[in-house]
Amino acid sequence: MPDRRFRPLQWALCAMLVIAAAGCSREQAGAARRGGPEIVDVVTAEAAIKPLGVEIEAVGTARANESVEVTSKASNTVSAIRFDEGDRVRKGQVLVELDNAAERAALAEAEAALAESQNNFKRSRDLYTSKALSVSQLDLIEATLKANQARVDVAKARLADTIIRASFDGNTGFRRVSVGSLVSPGSVITTLDDTSVIKLDFTVAETYLYVLEKGLPVTAATAGLPGREFTGKVAQIDSRVDPVSRSIAVRAELPNPKGELRPGMFMTVKLEGEVAPALLVPEGAIVPEQGRTFVFVVENGQAARREVKLGKRRPGEVEVVQGLKEHERVVIEGTQNLRDGGPVREQQAQAQAEQTTSS
């Protein structure tokens, strides 16, 4: 059974709580009547026209301007090697000589048959002039002459195939044969790369297709050469967009006179579209809502919600192409507490305030 001595104290506490609650309600109602909507502290920035160029970042693979695997056209043995690994060679320079004894003999035989055919043809023309030889007989002798000439050409070509030359200026790779090695068609003897210009292949999302054009400046870097940047230009743009990745292949060319870049390098690429003036606001000012975008503009101490249409972007800033004018001030901090038409206490963004003060 509860102690009756404590009942007066309990009633007193309950009465105090009721009186306090009634007092709070009266104070809140009075504040609402006196102050109206609560003033929100916000940070604003000015919409300004600045130069804007779309920046695209990608990764790509370096390739030689020209690159081949040096091979033999026929089965033969190596008789001489005329290059060292890593040599800079000129177009037409001899790299490897193959055994050519059989080819030289075949050429000598074909040249002897050709000489005999030429003599026969000369005598036959004299006989034909004197009516001692018919037209058909002269045609047969002439056909034999042409056939023997063709055999000489074939023998010369086979003899030329025993001498393997550089097809363009470049650097040789590792030597994969030795003197006396038997090579067959397709056997790799060495590699030859022209790295005076490096082709850099990379892909770009199709959304940037409007930016891409031949001659667009490119800046590339690689982890293998830290702190170095290489500049070049877009040389080719693929004629098709990949239907799976929705990207398009791009090829840039980078001058490489010192040979610092090597084929196969992994490189990061940056390219920037044509720079043009654009109305920019900080990204923090954008308020997305149900597929639409808004900003809050401060006008006469009040926040006005404005629907805008966005354009290009760059880190920290976004272009507004519709719904906003230059020099209008937009809220970049405090938008989550704002309502359209609500009162605000404005504070400039620190960077803009310092810029205004310095000017």
Foldseek 3Di string as FASTA:
>chain_A
DDDPVCVVVVVVVVVVVVVVVVVVVVVVVVCCVPPPDDAAAFAKEFWAKDKDWFKDKWKWFKAFPDKDFFAAAFKFFWADADDDAFDWDFAFAWGTATDCPVLVVQLVVLVVQLVVLVVVLVVVVVCVVVVNDDPVVSVVSVVSNVVSVVSNVVSVVVSVSRTGGHRHTFTKHDADDDGGDTGGGPDGGIMTGHRQKMKIKTKDALVCVVQDDWFFKKWKDAPVDPPDIWIWTWHDWDPDADPPRNITMTITMTGDNPVPDDGGTMMMMMTIGDIDIFGKDFPLQWDDDPNWIWWWWADPQFTAIWTFDWDHDDPGMTGTPDTDDGGTMTTNPDPVVHDHGHGYDYDYDPVVVVVVVVD
